[in-house]
Amino acid sequence: MWPARTRTETVTCLACGTECPRDEAREYDKHGDRWDRADKTFEHLCKSCHRELCHHPRDDLEALLVEIEAGKRDRAGFLASYLTAVEERYGPLEERER
């Protein structure tokens, strides 16, 4: 049996926790490739949180976060690990002269 067309699916914004209708939300793919849909489940963002996102490519970000065990340590420990890992991969984080 098919679901009723009048039923609106709601999703929860992963950033702010607001519930909103699915058709008013934006899909978020933690791998940065929402066009490749095979075997994926998407999280969602409300429109205002989606607008605040940085939309620059984030190559290797998810792998880096897994590597430094993001979410398994306190904020200070996470930030220290993140800065160390970024500097090891990409060099110092100082401003470069143009």
N, C-alpha and C. Protein backbone atom coordinates (compact mmCIF):
# COMPACT_ATOMS: atom_id res chain seq x y z
N MET A 1 0.84 -1.18 0.00
CA MET A 1 0.00 0.00 0.00
C MET A 1 0.88 1.24 0.00
N TRP A 2 0.51 2.23 -0.74
CA TRP A 2 1.28 3.47 -0.86
C TRP A 2 0.93 4.41 0.29
N PRO A 3 1.92 5.19 0.77
CA PRO A 3 1.61 6.16 1.84
C PRO A 3 0.74 7.29 1.30
N ALA A 4 0.00 7.91 2.19
CA ALA A 4 -0.86 9.02 1.79
C ALA A 4 -0.02 10.18 1.28
N ARG A 5 -0.47 10.80 0.22
CA ARG A 5 0.27 11.93 -0.37
C ARG A 5 0.19 13.18 0.50
N THR A 6 -0.79 13.23 1.36
CA THR A 6 -0.95 14.42 2.19
C THR A 6 -0.03 14.40 3.41
N ARG A 7 0.57 13.25 3.70
CA ARG A 7 1.46 13.15 4.85
C ARG A 7 2.80 13.80 4.50
N THR A 8 3.25 14.70 5.36
CA THR A 8 4.51 15.40 5.12
C THR A 8 5.59 14.78 5.97
N GLU A 9 6.65 14.33 5.32
CA GLU A 9 7.78 13.78 6.05
C GLU A 9 8.54 14.93 6.70
N THR A 10 8.90 14.78 7.97
CA THR A 10 9.69 15.80 8.64
C THR A 10 11.08 15.24 8.92
N VAL A 11 12.04 16.15 8.93
CA VAL A 11 13.43 15.80 9.23
C VAL A 11 13.93 16.75 10.30
N THR A 12 14.99 16.36 10.97
CA THR A 12 15.59 17.19 12.01
C THR A 12 16.90 17.76 11.51
N CYS A 13 17.06 19.07 11.66
CA CYS A 13 18.30 19.74 11.25
C CYS A 13 19.43 19.25 12.14
N LEU A 14 20.52 18.77 11.52
CA LEU A 14 21.63 18.24 12.30
C LEU A 14 22.40 19.34 13.02
N ALA A 15 22.24 20.60 12.62
CA ALA A 15 22.97 21.70 13.25
C ALA A 15 22.22 22.31 14.43
N CYS A 16 20.93 22.59 14.25
CA CYS A 16 20.20 23.30 15.30
C CYS A 16 19.12 22.47 15.97
N GLY A 17 18.80 21.30 15.40
CA GLY A 17 17.80 20.43 16.01
C GLY A 17 16.36 20.76 15.66
N THR A 18 16.13 21.75 14.82
CA THR A 18 14.79 22.13 14.43
C THR A 18 14.18 21.08 13.50
N GLU A 19 12.93 20.75 13.72
CA GLU A 19 12.23 19.87 12.80
C GLU A 19 11.56 20.71 11.73
N CYS A 20 11.66 20.24 10.48
CA CYS A 20 11.04 20.96 9.38
C CYS A 20 10.60 19.96 8.32
N PRO A 21 9.66 20.35 7.47
CA PRO A 21 9.24 19.45 6.39
C PRO A 21 10.43 19.09 5.50
N ARG A 22 10.48 17.86 5.05
CA ARG A 22 11.59 17.37 4.23
C ARG A 22 11.78 18.24 2.98
N ASP A 23 10.70 18.69 2.37
CA ASP A 23 10.83 19.49 1.15
C ASP A 23 11.32 20.91 1.42
N GLU A 24 11.44 21.30 2.69
CA GLU A 24 12.00 22.62 3.03
C GLU A 24 13.41 22.50 3.60
N ALA A 25 13.96 21.29 3.62
CA ALA A 25 15.29 21.07 4.16
C ALA A 25 16.29 20.85 3.02
N ARG A 26 17.55 20.90 3.34
CA ARG A 26 18.62 20.63 2.39
C ARG A 26 19.36 19.37 2.82
N GLU A 27 19.69 18.53 1.86
CA GLU A 27 20.43 17.31 2.17
C GLU A 27 21.88 17.66 2.50
N TYR A 28 22.43 16.95 3.46
CA TYR A 28 23.83 17.12 3.82
C TYR A 28 24.51 15.76 3.68
N ASP A 29 25.56 15.73 2.89
CA ASP A 29 26.35 14.51 2.71
C ASP A 29 27.71 14.75 3.32
N LYS A 30 28.03 14.02 4.38
CA LYS A 30 29.27 14.26 5.08
C LYS A 30 30.49 13.99 4.22
N HIS A 31 30.32 13.30 3.10
CA HIS A 31 31.43 13.05 2.20
C HIS A 31 31.56 14.13 1.13
N GLY A 32 30.63 15.07 1.10
CA GLY A 32 30.72 16.20 0.19
C GLY A 32 30.29 15.90 -1.24
N ASP A 33 29.62 14.79 -1.46
CA ASP A 33 29.21 14.44 -2.82
C ASP A 33 27.77 13.96 -2.80
N ARG A 34 26.86 14.90 -2.71
CA ARG A 34 25.46 14.51 -2.60
C ARG A 34 24.88 14.01 -3.92
N TRP A 35 25.63 14.12 -5.02
CA TRP A 35 25.13 13.67 -6.32
C TRP A 35 25.30 12.17 -6.48
N ASP A 36 26.27 11.58 -5.80
CA ASP A 36 26.44 10.14 -5.82
C ASP A 36 25.55 9.58 -4.71
N ARG A 37 24.41 9.03 -5.08
CA ARG A 37 23.38 8.65 -4.10
C ARG A 37 23.39 7.16 -3.76
N ALA A 38 24.23 6.38 -4.40
CA ALA A 38 24.23 4.93 -4.20
C ALA A 38 24.61 4.58 -2.76
N ASP A 39 23.78 3.77 -2.12
CA ASP A 39 24.04 3.24 -0.78
C ASP A 39 24.30 4.32 0.27
N LYS A 40 23.62 5.43 0.19
CA LYS A 40 23.83 6.51 1.16
C LYS A 40 22.52 6.86 1.87
N THR A 41 22.66 7.31 3.08
CA THR A 41 21.57 7.97 3.76
C THR A 41 22.05 9.38 4.07
N PHE A 42 21.17 10.32 3.94
CA PHE A 42 21.55 11.72 4.11
C PHE A 42 21.01 12.27 5.41
N GLU A 43 21.77 13.18 5.98
CA GLU A 43 21.28 13.97 7.09
C GLU A 43 20.73 15.25 6.46
N HIS A 44 20.09 16.09 7.25
CA HIS A 44 19.45 17.27 6.69
C HIS A 44 19.78 18.53 7.49
N LEU A 45 19.71 19.65 6.80
CA LEU A 45 19.88 20.97 7.41
C LEU A 45 18.67 21.82 7.06
N CYS A 46 18.23 22.64 8.02
CA CYS A 46 17.19 23.61 7.68
C CYS A 46 17.83 24.66 6.77
N LYS A 47 17.01 25.44 6.09
CA LYS A 47 17.55 26.40 5.11
C LYS A 47 18.47 27.43 5.75
N SER A 48 18.14 27.92 6.94
CA SER A 48 18.99 28.96 7.54
C SER A 48 20.36 28.40 7.93
N CYS A 49 20.42 27.17 8.45
CA CYS A 49 21.72 26.57 8.78
C CYS A 49 22.50 26.25 7.51
N HIS A 50 21.80 25.82 6.46
CA HIS A 50 22.48 25.53 5.20
C HIS A 50 23.13 26.78 4.62
N ARG A 51 22.45 27.92 4.73
CA ARG A 51 23.02 29.18 4.23
C ARG A 51 24.30 29.56 4.97
N GLU A 52 24.40 29.19 6.24
CA GLU A 52 25.56 29.56 7.04
C GLU A 52 26.77 28.64 6.82
N LEU A 53 26.56 27.54 6.11
CA LEU A 53 27.66 26.61 5.85
C LEU A 53 28.71 27.21 4.91
N CYS A 54 29.92 26.78 5.08
CA CYS A 54 30.97 27.07 4.12
C CYS A 54 30.79 26.07 2.98
N HIS A 55 30.64 26.53 1.77
CA HIS A 55 30.38 25.64 0.66
C HIS A 55 31.63 25.33 -0.16
N HIS A 56 32.80 25.56 0.43
CA HIS A 56 34.05 25.22 -0.24
C HIS A 56 34.28 23.72 -0.15
N PRO A 57 35.03 23.16 -1.09
CA PRO A 57 35.32 21.72 -1.04
C PRO A 57 36.00 21.36 0.28
N ARG A 58 35.73 20.17 0.76
CA ARG A 58 36.33 19.73 2.02
C ARG A 58 36.98 18.37 1.85
N ASP A 59 37.82 18.29 0.84
CA ASP A 59 38.54 17.05 0.55
C ASP A 59 39.22 16.54 1.81
N ASP A 60 39.08 15.29 2.08
CA ASP A 60 39.76 14.61 3.18
C ASP A 60 39.31 15.02 4.58
N LEU A 61 38.35 15.93 4.72
CA LEU A 61 37.94 16.38 6.05
C LEU A 61 37.35 15.24 6.87
N GLU A 62 36.44 14.47 6.28
CA GLU A 62 35.80 13.39 7.03
C GLU A 62 36.84 12.37 7.49
N ALA A 63 37.77 12.01 6.61
CA ALA A 63 38.82 11.06 6.97
C ALA A 63 39.68 11.61 8.10
N LEU A 64 39.99 12.90 8.05
CA LEU A 64 40.79 13.54 9.10
C LEU A 64 40.04 13.49 10.44
N LEU A 65 38.76 13.79 10.44
CA LEU A 65 37.97 13.77 11.67
C LEU A 65 37.90 12.37 12.27
N VAL A 66 37.77 11.37 11.42
CA VAL A 66 37.76 9.98 11.91
C VAL A 66 39.13 9.63 12.49
N GLU A 67 40.17 10.03 11.78
CA GLU A 67 41.54 9.73 12.23
C GLU A 67 41.84 10.30 13.61
N ILE A 68 41.39 11.52 13.87
CA ILE A 68 41.70 12.15 15.17
C ILE A 68 40.62 11.87 16.21
N GLU A 69 39.69 10.97 15.85
CA GLU A 69 38.63 10.53 16.76
C GLU A 69 37.75 11.68 17.26
N ALA A 70 37.31 12.50 16.32
CA ALA A 70 36.41 13.60 16.65
C ALA A 70 35.15 13.04 17.32
N GLY A 71 34.66 13.73 18.31
CA GLY A 71 33.48 13.29 19.04
C GLY A 71 33.77 12.35 20.18
N LYS A 72 35.02 11.93 20.33
CA LYS A 72 35.38 11.00 21.40
C LYS A 72 36.26 11.66 22.45
N ARG A 73 36.47 12.96 22.34
CA ARG A 73 37.31 13.66 23.31
C ARG A 73 36.72 15.04 23.58
N ASP A 74 37.23 15.72 24.59
CA ASP A 74 36.69 17.04 24.91
C ASP A 74 37.13 18.06 23.86
N ARG A 75 36.53 19.22 23.91
CA ARG A 75 36.76 20.26 22.90
C ARG A 75 38.23 20.64 22.79
N ALA A 76 38.89 20.88 23.92
CA ALA A 76 40.30 21.29 23.91
C ALA A 76 41.18 20.20 23.29
N GLY A 77 40.92 18.95 23.65
CA GLY A 77 41.69 17.84 23.09
C GLY A 77 41.47 17.69 21.59
N PHE A 78 40.20 17.85 21.17
CA PHE A 78 39.88 17.78 19.74
C PHE A 78 40.60 18.87 18.96
N LEU A 79 40.51 20.12 19.45
CA LEU A 79 41.12 21.23 18.73
C LEU A 79 42.64 21.07 18.63
N ALA A 80 43.27 20.62 19.71
CA ALA A 80 44.71 20.41 19.69
C ALA A 80 45.08 19.33 18.66
N SER A 81 44.33 18.23 18.64
CA SER A 81 44.59 17.16 17.68
C SER A 81 44.35 17.62 16.25
N TYR A 82 43.28 18.39 16.06
CA TYR A 82 42.95 18.88 14.72
C TYR A 82 44.06 19.79 14.19
N LEU A 83 44.48 20.76 15.00
CA LEU A 83 45.53 21.68 14.56
C LEU A 83 46.83 20.95 14.26
N THR A 84 47.19 19.99 15.08
CA THR A 84 48.40 19.21 14.85
C THR A 84 48.30 18.43 13.54
N ALA A 85 47.17 17.77 13.32
CA ALA A 85 46.99 16.97 12.11
C ALA A 85 47.00 17.85 10.85
N VAL A 86 46.34 19.00 10.91
CA VAL A 86 46.30 19.90 9.76
C VAL A 86 47.70 20.43 9.45
N GLU A 87 48.45 20.82 10.47
CA GLU A 87 49.80 21.32 10.23
C GLU A 87 50.70 20.22 9.68
N GLU A 88 50.53 18.97 10.14
CA GLU A 88 51.33 17.86 9.61
C GLU A 88 51.02 17.62 8.14
N ARG A 89 49.76 17.74 7.76
CA ARG A 89 49.37 17.48 6.37
C ARG A 89 49.64 18.65 5.43
N TYR A 90 49.37 19.87 5.90
CA TYR A 90 49.35 21.02 4.99
C TYR A 90 50.36 22.11 5.33
N GLY A 91 51.07 21.95 6.42
CA GLY A 91 52.04 22.97 6.81
C GLY A 91 51.45 23.94 7.82
N PRO A 92 52.25 24.93 8.25
CA PRO A 92 51.82 25.88 9.28
C PRO A 92 50.56 26.65 8.88
N LEU A 93 49.80 27.02 9.89
CA LEU A 93 48.54 27.72 9.65
C LEU A 93 48.68 29.24 9.68
N GLU A 94 49.88 29.75 9.53
CA GLU A 94 50.06 31.20 9.56
C GLU A 94 49.57 31.83 8.27
N GLU A 95 49.27 33.11 8.35
CA GLU A 95 48.87 33.86 7.17
C GLU A 95 50.01 33.94 6.20
N ARG A 96 49.73 33.80 4.93
CA ARG A 96 50.76 33.92 3.90
C ARG A 96 50.67 35.29 3.26
N GLU A 97 51.83 35.89 2.96
CA GLU A 97 51.81 37.18 2.25
C GLU A 97 51.48 36.93 0.81
N ARG A 98 50.76 37.86 0.23
CA ARG A 98 50.36 37.71 -1.18
C ARG A 98 51.27 38.45 -2.09
